[in-house]
C-alpha cells in the first residue's frame, strides 16, 4: 500500500516561485518513477489529468513543454519526498497538482491508477 501526500500549494503571483512537496509512505519498490500531474479547472476525471513532469529512479526527467525551463522536479529517496519547484508560474498554471508514482522507462512515464494523492491547489494570480 502506498500513500502520497501533497503539500505546499496556495496563492502565488505570476513570476514568483512556489515549491510543492510530496511525502511518500509505504512500499514503492514496485515503481521506479514519480511525477506531478495537474487537474485543470473544468475537468474532473483522473484521465483528464495532464503530466507536468516525471522523474525516474536514475534521475532521468520528462517535462511537459508548457513548464520546461521553469519547473524543476527532484526526489530524495532517503527522505521519501518528491519536490516540484515552480519558477515563474503563469495564471494558466492554476490547477490542482497531484503526485503520482508509476513506471518510467524509455523516456515515458506510466502512472499507476491505484495511488494518487489528494492534490494541492495552486492559484496563480496575474
Protein backbone atom coordinates (compact mmCIF):
# COMPACT_ATOMS: atom_id res chain seq x y z
CA UNK A 1 0.00 0.00 0.00
CA UNK A 2 1.28 3.44 -0.95
CA UNK A 3 0.16 6.83 0.25
CA UNK A 4 1.12 10.10 -1.39
CA UNK A 5 0.55 13.36 0.47
CA UNK A 6 0.98 16.65 -1.36
CA UNK A 7 1.59 19.98 0.32
CA UNK A 8 2.81 23.47 -0.44
CA UNK A 9 0.01 24.75 -2.63
CA UNK A 10 -1.53 28.18 -2.24
CA UNK A 11 -1.81 31.55 -3.86
CA UNK A 12 1.20 32.84 -5.74
CA UNK A 13 1.71 35.77 -8.05
CA UNK A 14 2.83 35.18 -11.59
CA UNK A 15 6.59 35.39 -11.78
CA UNK A 16 7.16 34.33 -8.19
CA UNK A 17 8.19 30.87 -7.01
CA UNK A 18 6.37 28.10 -5.23
CA UNK A 19 7.57 24.71 -4.03
CA UNK A 20 5.31 21.69 -3.81
CA UNK A 21 6.21 18.60 -1.81
CA UNK A 22 5.00 15.04 -1.94
CA UNK A 23 5.56 12.83 1.06
CA UNK A 24 5.68 9.16 0.12
CA UNK A 25 4.55 6.47 2.54
CA UNK A 26 4.59 2.72 2.06
CA UNK A 27 6.41 0.36 -0.23
CA UNK A 28 7.13 1.85 -3.64
CA UNK A 29 9.68 -0.79 -4.63
CA UNK A 30 7.42 -1.88 -7.48
CA UNK A 31 7.63 1.54 -9.07
CA UNK A 32 10.71 3.39 -10.30
CA UNK A 33 9.18 6.74 -11.06
CA UNK A 34 7.33 9.70 -9.61
CA UNK A 35 5.53 12.51 -11.31
CA UNK A 36 3.41 15.59 -10.89
CA UNK A 37 0.13 15.99 -12.74
CA UNK A 38 -2.34 18.85 -12.99
CA UNK A 39 -6.10 18.75 -12.98
CA UNK A 40 -7.16 21.88 -14.80
CA UNK A 41 -10.30 23.80 -13.91
CA UNK A 42 -13.37 22.38 -15.60
CA UNK A 43 -12.05 18.82 -15.58
CA UNK A 44 -12.88 16.19 -13.00
CA UNK A 45 -11.82 12.75 -14.15
CA UNK A 46 -8.41 11.28 -13.38
CA UNK A 47 -7.93 10.50 -17.06
CA UNK A 48 -8.07 14.24 -17.77
CA UNK A 49 -5.06 14.98 -15.62
CA UNK A 50 -2.04 16.20 -17.55
CA UNK A 51 1.56 15.29 -16.91
CA UNK A 52 3.72 18.15 -15.71
CA UNK A 53 6.95 16.29 -15.10
CA UNK A 54 8.20 12.81 -14.25
CA UNK A 55 11.43 11.53 -12.75
CA UNK A 56 12.97 8.07 -12.74
CA UNK A 57 14.99 6.39 -10.03
CA UNK A 58 18.13 7.25 -12.03
CA UNK A 59 17.20 10.91 -12.20
CA UNK A 60 16.01 10.98 -15.79
CA UNK A 61 13.26 13.53 -16.28
CA UNK A 62 10.47 14.23 -18.71
CA UNK A 63 8.94 17.71 -18.72
CA UNK A 64 5.81 18.91 -20.44
CA UNK A 65 6.60 21.64 -22.96
CA UNK A 66 4.45 24.16 -21.08
CA UNK A 67 6.71 24.02 -18.00
CA UNK A 68 10.10 23.26 -19.50
CA UNK A 69 12.88 25.50 -18.14
CA UNK A 70 10.56 26.88 -15.45
CA UNK A 71 9.74 23.92 -13.21
CA UNK A 72 12.18 21.50 -11.60
CA UNK A 73 11.43 18.11 -10.12
CA UNK A 74 13.65 16.36 -7.61
CA UNK A 75 13.41 13.31 -5.42
CA UNK A 76 15.04 12.43 -2.14
CA UNK A 77 14.67 8.70 -1.65
CA UNK A 78 16.26 8.85 1.79
CA UNK A 79 13.56 11.26 2.95
CA UNK A 80 10.81 9.73 0.78
CA UNK A 81 9.90 13.05 -0.76
CA UNK A 82 9.37 14.38 -4.25
CA UNK A 83 9.57 18.11 -4.79
CA UNK A 84 8.37 20.40 -7.55
CA UNK A 85 9.97 23.84 -7.72
CA UNK A 86 7.74 26.15 -9.73
CA UNK A 87 9.62 29.17 -11.06
CA UNK A 88 7.75 31.89 -12.89
CA UNK A 89 4.33 30.22 -12.82
CA UNK A 90 1.63 31.71 -15.02
CA UNK A 91 -2.13 32.07 -14.40
CA UNK A 92 -2.65 29.18 -16.82
CA UNK A 93 -0.95 27.02 -14.22
CA UNK A 94 -3.84 27.47 -11.80
CA UNK A 95 -4.88 23.92 -11.05
CA UNK A 96 -4.86 21.12 -8.54
CA UNK A 97 -1.46 19.44 -8.57
CA UNK A 98 -1.24 15.72 -7.89
CA UNK A 99 1.68 13.49 -7.02
CA UNK A 100 1.91 10.16 -8.78
CA UNK A 101 4.00 7.03 -8.68
CA UNK A 102 4.47 4.63 -11.55
CA UNK A 103 6.89 3.24 -14.10
CA UNK A 104 9.38 5.32 -16.06
CA UNK A 105 11.26 3.74 -18.93
CA UNK A 106 12.31 4.52 -22.46
CA UNK A 107 11.58 8.18 -21.86
CA UNK A 108 7.95 7.57 -20.97
CA UNK A 109 6.09 7.64 -17.70
CA UNK A 110 3.19 5.34 -16.90
CA UNK A 111 1.31 6.21 -13.72
CA UNK A 112 -0.34 3.59 -11.64
CA UNK A 113 -4.02 4.29 -11.28
CA UNK A 114 -4.01 2.77 -7.82
CA UNK A 115 -2.27 5.57 -5.97
CA UNK A 116 -2.91 9.28 -6.16
CA UNK A 117 -2.53 11.90 -3.51
CA UNK A 118 -5.38 14.18 -2.51
CA UNK A 119 -3.89 17.04 -4.51
CA UNK A 120 -2.85 20.54 -3.58
CA UNK A 121 -4.46 23.64 -5.08
CA UNK A 122 -2.19 26.18 -6.75
CA UNK A 123 -3.68 29.50 -7.75
CA UNK A 124 -1.54 31.87 -9.80
CA UNK A 125 -2.65 35.47 -9.89
CA UNK A 126 -1.68 37.88 -12.64
